Amino acid sequence: MTRLIICIDRDDDLGRKAGVTTPVVGRDANIDAAVKLLLADPEDSDANTIFGGVQAYDELVENESVEIVSIAGSEDVGMVSDKRIAMQLDEIIAKMQPESVIVVSDGAEDESLMPLIHSRIKVDAVLRVVVRQSERLESTLYMIKRAFEDPKISHAILVPIGIACLLYAIFLSIGYPEGAVIAITGAIGAYMLYHGFGLQEAWDSFNRSMKQSLYGGKIAFTAGTAVVLLSVVATVQGAVSFWEYYNQESFTYGYVVLLMIFVNSSIWWYVSAALSLQLGWIVDAYLSHEPLSPMFTRFFFTIASGLLFWGASNYILSISSNIERFTSQSLEAREVLALTVILAFIISVAGVVIPKRLAE
């Protein structure tokens, strides 16, 4: 035999729908298999593939030695189906020993197997047999399907849509559809900022360290749990304060003041979360006899940063709002800010000097 015509059914419609076992060898056997498939599902395109292969067989058989065979994969399209096709292809090649093949397919999905076939035997031609009305549609649907199989694309598209639908359903169920617009806009904005600032890598790193801490029996796991809980408390605390003043009729200031209220109310909770994690790292490093200097430095710098955020937000609220607990004389507000900056500077210096002394 010099040439073999191979009809490919990657998702095994022949087996699942028509009960045909592959490989199917010979013209009559392939026609019988195609008829069974059409009777089971008149709209299935794999039957057209087989009839296209039979047509090519009839054109070539008068002038050369040729045979037709249909092979199928598995409903689980991917590695499982491709492995099964590779096994059937190897079996056919070993048995018939053709010099080359003509591949018959019904679209881009089956043709993705071309490298697998090329690696085993010479391919003379590829015959695509697709119903004319559906060729572009099938290729487009295949490209969309392949795109959504990529986690990066599916996460970027499906997650925001899923969040929006879920929030809308929640607010609709509680009878407050107006709030859905605010919640959806805020959630999608946070999602975009999360990916825009590359926080995915930081979260993945935190996840890995938490798993290592759990499996390694380290204190950092408990500290990491405390970080999550304290961060939730901080966010809720800030949001409650934000919402409390946002709903006051007498409050006429802009969103900058509201943002400062959020920061002022939640900053020490966030600082506590960061310090909890750093304390866990310090304890684990001490037990493992690792150097503590860098960790102590970060510990002091975190406290200094919290002081600066608190002092700045307190000063802005003191001079730009009429909130009773923040209103004070301008001079007093400046003094508080100055003292905060000086104290933060002293703590930062201590965070550099003390670890060096400990390391000596």
Protein backbone atom coordinates (compact mmCIF):
# COMPACT_ATOMS: atom_id res chain seq x y z
CA MET A 1 0.00 0.00 0.00
CA THR A 2 1.31 3.47 -0.89
CA ARG A 3 -1.25 5.84 0.56
CA LEU A 4 -3.73 5.91 3.47
CA ILE A 5 -6.74 8.20 3.88
CA ILE A 6 -7.34 8.96 7.58
CA CYS A 7 -10.63 10.40 8.83
CA ILE A 8 -10.33 11.90 12.32
CA ASP A 9 -13.06 12.03 14.97
CA ARG A 10 -11.29 13.62 17.93
CA ASP A 11 -14.25 13.57 20.37
CA ASP A 12 -15.39 10.00 19.50
CA ASP A 13 -18.84 10.78 18.16
CA LEU A 14 -18.68 7.44 16.33
CA GLY A 15 -18.37 5.50 19.56
CA ARG A 16 -20.59 7.65 21.82
CA LYS A 17 -23.49 8.18 19.41
CA ALA A 18 -23.36 5.32 16.91
CA GLY A 19 -21.67 2.60 18.98
CA VAL A 20 -18.97 2.10 16.34
CA THR A 21 -15.59 0.78 17.49
CA THR A 22 -12.56 2.38 15.87
CA PRO A 23 -10.38 2.07 13.91
CA VAL A 24 -12.80 1.48 11.02
CA VAL A 25 -10.95 0.12 7.97
CA GLY A 26 -12.25 -0.12 4.42
CA ARG A 27 -14.68 1.75 2.20
CA ASP A 28 -17.82 -0.26 2.99
CA ALA A 29 -17.14 -0.30 6.73
CA ASN A 30 -16.67 3.48 6.76
CA ILE A 31 -19.87 4.11 4.80
CA ASP A 32 -21.74 1.86 7.22
CA ALA A 33 -20.23 3.76 10.21
CA ALA A 34 -21.15 7.13 8.69
CA VAL A 35 -24.74 6.03 8.07
CA LYS A 36 -25.08 4.80 11.65
CA LEU A 37 -23.77 8.15 12.91
CA LEU A 38 -26.20 10.10 10.73
CA LEU A 39 -29.10 7.98 11.94
CA ALA A 40 -28.05 8.67 15.54
CA ASP A 41 -27.41 12.39 14.95
CA PRO A 42 -28.27 13.84 11.52
CA GLU A 43 -26.48 17.09 12.35
CA ASP A 44 -23.11 15.57 13.26
CA SER A 45 -20.30 16.81 11.00
CA ASP A 46 -18.07 13.75 11.51
CA ALA A 47 -20.30 11.81 9.12
CA ASN A 48 -19.49 14.39 6.44
CA THR A 49 -15.81 13.85 7.21
CA ILE A 50 -16.10 10.13 6.53
CA PHE A 51 -18.09 10.65 3.31
CA GLY A 52 -15.45 13.17 2.22
CA GLY A 53 -12.79 10.56 2.84
CA VAL A 54 -14.77 8.00 0.82
CA GLN A 55 -15.03 10.47 -2.07
CA ALA A 56 -11.26 10.99 -2.01
CA TYR A 57 -10.80 7.21 -1.88
CA ASP A 58 -12.98 6.72 -4.98
CA GLU A 59 -10.98 9.33 -6.90
CA LEU A 60 -7.62 7.75 -6.07
CA VAL A 61 -8.32 4.01 -6.01
CA GLU A 62 -8.42 3.67 -9.81
CA ASN A 63 -4.82 4.87 -10.22
CA GLU A 64 -2.99 3.79 -7.06
CA SER A 65 -3.06 1.56 -4.03
CA VAL A 66 -5.05 3.33 -1.34
CA GLU A 67 -7.08 2.51 1.75
CA ILE A 68 -9.41 4.52 4.02
CA VAL A 69 -9.56 4.31 7.80
CA SER A 70 -11.42 6.26 10.49
CA ILE A 71 -9.92 6.75 13.95
CA ALA A 72 -11.49 8.33 17.01
CA GLY A 73 -10.33 9.80 20.29
CA SER A 74 -12.34 10.30 23.43
CA GLU A 75 -15.15 12.46 24.77
CA ASP A 76 -12.53 13.91 27.12
CA VAL A 77 -10.93 16.05 24.41
CA GLY A 78 -7.29 16.77 25.16
CA MET A 79 -4.50 14.50 26.36
CA VAL A 80 -6.80 11.50 26.79
CA SER A 81 -8.31 11.65 23.31
CA ASP A 82 -5.00 12.50 21.62
CA LYS A 83 -3.27 9.57 23.31
CA ARG A 84 -5.96 7.20 22.07
CA ILE A 85 -5.69 8.57 18.52
CA ALA A 86 -1.90 8.20 18.65
CA MET A 87 -2.24 4.55 19.72
CA GLN A 88 -4.70 3.78 16.90
CA LEU A 89 -2.51 5.61 14.39
CA ASP A 90 0.56 3.62 15.44
CA GLU A 91 -1.43 0.40 15.14
CA ILE A 92 -2.66 1.23 11.63
CA ILE A 93 0.78 2.33 10.39
CA ALA A 94 2.43 -0.82 11.77
CA LYS A 95 -0.21 -3.04 10.17
CA MET A 96 -0.59 -1.39 6.74
CA GLN A 97 2.82 0.30 6.39
CA PRO A 98 1.69 3.16 4.12
CA GLU A 99 4.22 5.54 2.57
CA SER A 100 2.08 8.63 3.19
CA VAL A 101 -1.37 9.74 4.32
CA ILE A 102 -4.13 12.16 3.43
CA VAL A 103 -5.81 13.60 6.52
CA VAL A 104 -9.54 14.35 6.39
CA SER A 105 -11.05 16.57 9.09
CA ASP A 106 -14.12 18.66 9.80
CA GLY A 107 -12.37 21.77 11.14
CA ALA A 108 -9.69 23.38 13.25
CA GLU A 109 -10.19 21.12 16.29
CA ASP A 110 -9.26 17.93 14.42
CA GLU A 111 -6.45 19.69 12.55
CA SER A 112 -4.76 20.53 15.86
CA LEU A 113 -3.60 16.87 15.73
CA MET A 114 -1.46 17.50 12.63
CA PRO A 115 1.85 17.68 14.57
CA LEU A 116 1.02 14.28 16.11
CA ILE A 117 0.49 12.77 12.62
CA HIS A 118 3.47 14.57 11.05
CA SER A 119 5.76 13.05 13.66
CA ARG A 120 4.82 9.53 12.55
CA ILE A 121 4.34 9.63 8.78
CA LYS A 122 4.52 11.85 5.72
CA VAL A 123 1.33 13.85 5.10
CA ASP A 124 0.54 14.47 1.44
CA ALA A 125 -2.57 16.60 1.91
CA VAL A 126 -5.17 17.81 4.36
CA LEU A 127 -8.80 17.70 3.24
CA ARG A 128 -11.22 19.78 5.27
CA VAL A 129 -14.82 18.65 4.93
CA VAL A 130 -17.16 21.11 6.60
CA VAL A 131 -20.77 21.99 5.84
CA ARG A 132 -20.41 25.28 3.95
CA GLN A 133 -22.88 27.17 6.10
CA SER A 134 -21.07 26.27 9.33
CA GLU A 135 -17.35 26.32 8.45
CA ARG A 136 -16.60 29.78 9.79
CA LEU A 137 -18.93 29.29 12.74
CA GLU A 138 -17.26 26.05 13.78
CA SER A 139 -13.77 27.51 13.52
CA THR A 140 -14.84 30.59 15.47
CA LEU A 141 -16.48 28.51 18.19
CA TYR A 142 -13.37 26.36 18.42
CA MET A 143 -11.13 29.44 18.81
CA ILE A 144 -13.44 30.83 21.52
CA LYS A 145 -13.46 27.49 23.32
CA ARG A 146 -9.67 27.28 23.20
CA ALA A 147 -9.37 30.86 24.49
CA PHE A 148 -11.59 30.15 27.48
CA GLU A 149 -9.55 27.06 28.30
CA ASP A 150 -6.64 29.41 29.01
CA PRO A 151 -6.91 30.29 32.75
CA LYS A 152 -5.55 33.81 32.18
CA ILE A 153 -8.26 34.68 29.65
CA SER A 154 -11.10 32.91 31.47
CA HIS A 155 -10.22 34.54 34.80
CA ALA A 156 -9.90 37.99 33.25
CA ILE A 157 -13.32 37.77 31.56
CA LEU A 158 -15.46 35.40 33.60
CA VAL A 159 -14.52 36.55 37.11
CA PRO A 160 -15.65 40.21 36.69
CA ILE A 161 -18.86 39.10 35.00
CA GLY A 162 -19.50 36.55 37.75
CA ILE A 163 -18.86 39.12 40.50
CA ALA A 164 -21.20 41.62 38.84
CA CYS A 165 -24.01 39.07 38.45
CA LEU A 166 -23.62 37.82 42.03
CA LEU A 167 -23.68 41.33 43.54
CA TYR A 168 -26.67 42.32 41.44
CA ALA A 169 -28.56 39.22 42.56
CA ILE A 170 -27.74 39.89 46.23
CA PHE A 171 -28.86 43.53 46.16
CA LEU A 172 -31.95 42.63 44.13
CA SER A 173 -32.92 40.01 46.71
CA ILE A 174 -32.72 42.54 49.57
CA GLY A 175 -34.80 45.07 47.66
CA TYR A 176 -32.03 47.61 47.07
CA PRO A 177 -31.18 47.50 43.34
CA GLU A 178 -29.69 51.02 43.45
CA GLY A 179 -26.90 49.74 45.68
CA ALA A 180 -25.99 47.14 43.07
CA VAL A 181 -24.53 49.80 40.78
CA ILE A 182 -22.29 51.09 43.57
CA ALA A 183 -21.26 47.60 44.66
CA ILE A 184 -20.59 46.33 41.12
CA THR A 185 -18.59 49.42 40.17
CA GLY A 186 -16.55 49.20 43.35
CA ALA A 187 -15.93 45.45 43.03
CA ILE A 188 -14.85 45.62 39.39
CA GLY A 189 -12.70 48.67 40.14
CA ALA A 190 -10.99 46.82 42.99
CA TYR A 191 -10.52 43.78 40.74
CA MET A 192 -8.90 45.91 38.02
CA LEU A 193 -6.62 47.64 40.53
CA TYR A 194 -5.72 44.25 42.00
CA HIS A 195 -4.48 43.02 38.63
CA GLY A 196 -3.21 46.42 37.47
CA PHE A 197 -0.83 46.76 40.42
CA GLY A 198 0.31 43.13 40.11
CA LEU A 199 -1.07 42.10 43.50
CA GLN A 200 -1.73 38.62 42.11
CA GLU A 201 1.95 37.74 42.57
CA ALA A 202 1.92 39.01 46.16
CA TRP A 203 -1.19 36.95 46.92
CA ASP A 204 0.33 33.84 45.31
CA SER A 205 3.47 34.34 47.40
CA PHE A 206 1.36 34.70 50.55
CA ASN A 207 -0.54 31.53 49.64
CA ARG A 208 2.66 29.56 49.15
CA SER A 209 4.15 30.79 52.43
CA MET A 210 0.92 29.89 54.27
CA LYS A 211 1.00 26.35 52.86
CA GLN A 212 4.66 25.95 53.73
CA SER A 213 3.99 27.24 57.25
CA LEU A 214 1.06 24.85 57.70
CA TYR A 215 2.92 21.79 56.45
CA GLY A 216 6.10 22.80 58.27
CA GLY A 217 4.38 23.45 61.61
CA LYS A 218 5.43 27.09 61.77
CA ILE A 219 3.99 29.97 63.83
CA ALA A 220 3.66 31.99 60.61
CA PHE A 221 0.52 30.02 59.72
CA THR A 222 -1.30 31.31 62.81
CA ALA A 223 0.10 34.77 62.12
CA GLY A 224 -1.14 34.59 58.53
CA THR A 225 -4.61 33.62 59.71
CA ALA A 226 -4.53 36.62 62.06
CA VAL A 227 -3.57 38.82 59.09
CA VAL A 228 -6.64 37.77 57.14
CA LEU A 229 -9.01 38.25 60.08
CA LEU A 230 -7.54 41.60 61.16
CA SER A 231 -7.60 42.83 57.55
CA VAL A 232 -11.29 41.97 57.33
CA VAL A 233 -11.93 43.78 60.63
CA ALA A 234 -9.96 46.81 59.39
CA THR A 235 -11.91 46.98 56.14
CA VAL A 236 -15.26 46.62 57.92
CA GLN A 237 -14.27 49.24 60.52
CA GLY A 238 -13.28 51.71 57.80
CA ALA A 239 -16.35 50.98 55.71
CA VAL A 240 -18.70 51.47 58.70
CA SER A 241 -17.14 54.85 59.50
CA PHE A 242 -17.25 55.83 55.83
CA TRP A 243 -20.92 54.86 55.56
CA GLU A 244 -21.84 56.54 58.84
CA TYR A 245 -20.64 59.97 57.69
CA TYR A 246 -21.70 59.45 54.07
CA ASN A 247 -25.34 59.11 55.18
CA GLN A 248 -25.33 62.22 57.38
CA GLU A 249 -27.39 65.02 55.82
CA SER A 250 -25.22 67.67 57.45
CA PHE A 251 -22.05 66.18 55.96
CA THR A 252 -21.31 68.15 52.80
CA TYR A 253 -17.65 67.35 52.18
CA GLY A 254 -16.21 65.38 49.29
CA TYR A 255 -14.84 61.91 48.89
CA VAL A 256 -11.33 62.91 49.94
CA VAL A 257 -12.59 63.59 53.47
CA LEU A 258 -14.53 60.31 53.43
CA LEU A 259 -11.38 58.49 52.31
CA MET A 260 -9.45 60.05 55.19
CA ILE A 261 -12.18 58.87 57.58
CA PHE A 262 -11.74 55.34 56.23
CA VAL A 263 -7.94 55.53 56.65
CA ASN A 264 -8.11 57.07 60.13
CA SER A 265 -10.59 54.45 61.37
CA SER A 266 -8.86 51.40 59.95
CA ILE A 267 -5.13 52.14 59.80
CA TRP A 268 -4.20 50.64 63.19
CA TRP A 269 -6.11 47.45 62.39
CA TYR A 270 -4.11 47.12 59.15
CA VAL A 271 -0.89 47.86 61.06
CA SER A 272 -1.83 45.20 63.61
CA ALA A 273 -2.37 42.71 60.78
CA ALA A 274 1.07 43.45 59.31
CA LEU A 275 2.74 43.28 62.73
CA SER A 276 1.10 39.93 63.46
CA LEU A 277 2.59 38.43 60.33
CA GLN A 278 6.01 39.92 61.05
CA LEU A 279 5.93 38.62 64.63
CA GLY A 280 5.22 35.16 63.27
CA TRP A 281 8.21 35.44 60.91
CA ILE A 282 10.43 36.67 63.77
CA VAL A 283 9.48 33.74 66.01
CA ASP A 284 10.02 31.21 63.19
CA ALA A 285 13.36 32.81 62.30
CA TYR A 286 14.45 32.70 65.96
CA LEU A 287 13.52 29.03 66.29
CA SER A 288 15.33 28.25 63.02
CA HIS A 289 18.42 30.27 64.10
CA GLU A 290 18.10 32.59 61.11
CA PRO A 291 19.22 36.27 61.12
CA LEU A 292 16.59 38.54 62.71
CA SER A 293 17.92 41.97 61.71
CA PRO A 294 15.91 42.49 58.47
CA MET A 295 12.70 41.36 60.18
CA PHE A 296 13.13 43.74 63.11
CA THR A 297 13.74 46.58 60.63
CA ARG A 298 10.47 45.85 58.80
CA PHE A 299 8.67 45.64 62.15
CA PHE A 300 9.76 49.16 63.16
CA PHE A 301 9.12 50.57 59.67
CA THR A 302 5.56 49.22 59.73
CA ILE A 303 4.84 51.06 62.99
CA ALA A 304 6.37 54.26 61.58
CA SER A 305 4.28 54.01 58.41
CA GLY A 306 1.11 53.53 60.46
CA LEU A 307 1.92 56.66 62.49
CA LEU A 308 2.42 58.72 59.34
CA PHE A 309 -0.87 57.58 57.77
CA TRP A 310 -2.74 58.20 61.02
CA GLY A 311 -1.16 61.62 61.57
CA ALA A 312 -1.77 62.78 58.00
CA SER A 313 -5.41 61.65 57.95
CA ASN A 314 -6.01 63.19 61.39
CA TYR A 315 -4.55 66.52 60.26
CA ILE A 316 -6.59 66.62 57.03
CA LEU A 317 -9.80 65.84 58.91
CA SER A 318 -9.00 68.45 61.56
CA ILE A 319 -8.65 71.31 59.06
CA SER A 320 -11.19 70.33 56.38
CA SER A 321 -14.24 68.90 58.16
CA ASN A 322 -16.74 69.77 60.84
CA ILE A 323 -16.60 66.37 62.53
CA GLU A 324 -16.58 67.00 66.24
CA ARG A 325 -13.95 64.45 67.23
CA PHE A 326 -11.50 65.85 64.67
CA THR A 327 -12.15 69.58 64.91
CA SER A 328 -9.46 71.50 66.74
CA GLN A 329 -7.38 74.66 66.43
CA SER A 330 -5.13 74.65 63.40
CA LEU A 331 -2.04 75.05 65.57
CA GLU A 332 -2.93 71.95 67.61
CA ALA A 333 -3.47 69.92 64.45
CA ARG A 334 -0.06 70.98 63.12
CA GLU A 335 1.56 70.09 66.43
CA VAL A 336 0.03 66.63 66.37
CA LEU A 337 1.20 66.10 62.78
CA ALA A 338 4.72 67.35 63.60
CA LEU A 339 4.97 65.10 66.64
CA THR A 340 3.74 62.16 64.58
CA VAL A 341 6.37 62.74 61.88
CA ILE A 342 9.15 63.15 64.49
CA LEU A 343 8.07 59.99 66.33
CA ALA A 344 7.87 58.03 63.05
CA PHE A 345 11.39 59.22 62.18
CA ILE A 346 12.73 58.16 65.59
CA ILE A 347 11.09 54.72 65.25
CA SER A 348 12.58 54.31 61.76
CA VAL A 349 16.06 55.18 63.02
CA ALA A 350 15.59 52.71 65.87
CA GLY A 351 14.56 50.11 63.30
CA VAL A 352 17.90 50.55 61.56
CA VAL A 353 20.19 50.95 64.59
CA ILE A 354 18.80 48.32 67.00
CA PRO A 355 18.96 45.35 64.55
CA LYS A 356 22.56 46.30 63.69
CA ARG A 357 23.49 46.32 67.38
CA LEU A 358 21.80 42.95 67.86
CA ALA A 359 23.69 41.51 64.93
CA GLU A 360 27.10 42.57 66.34
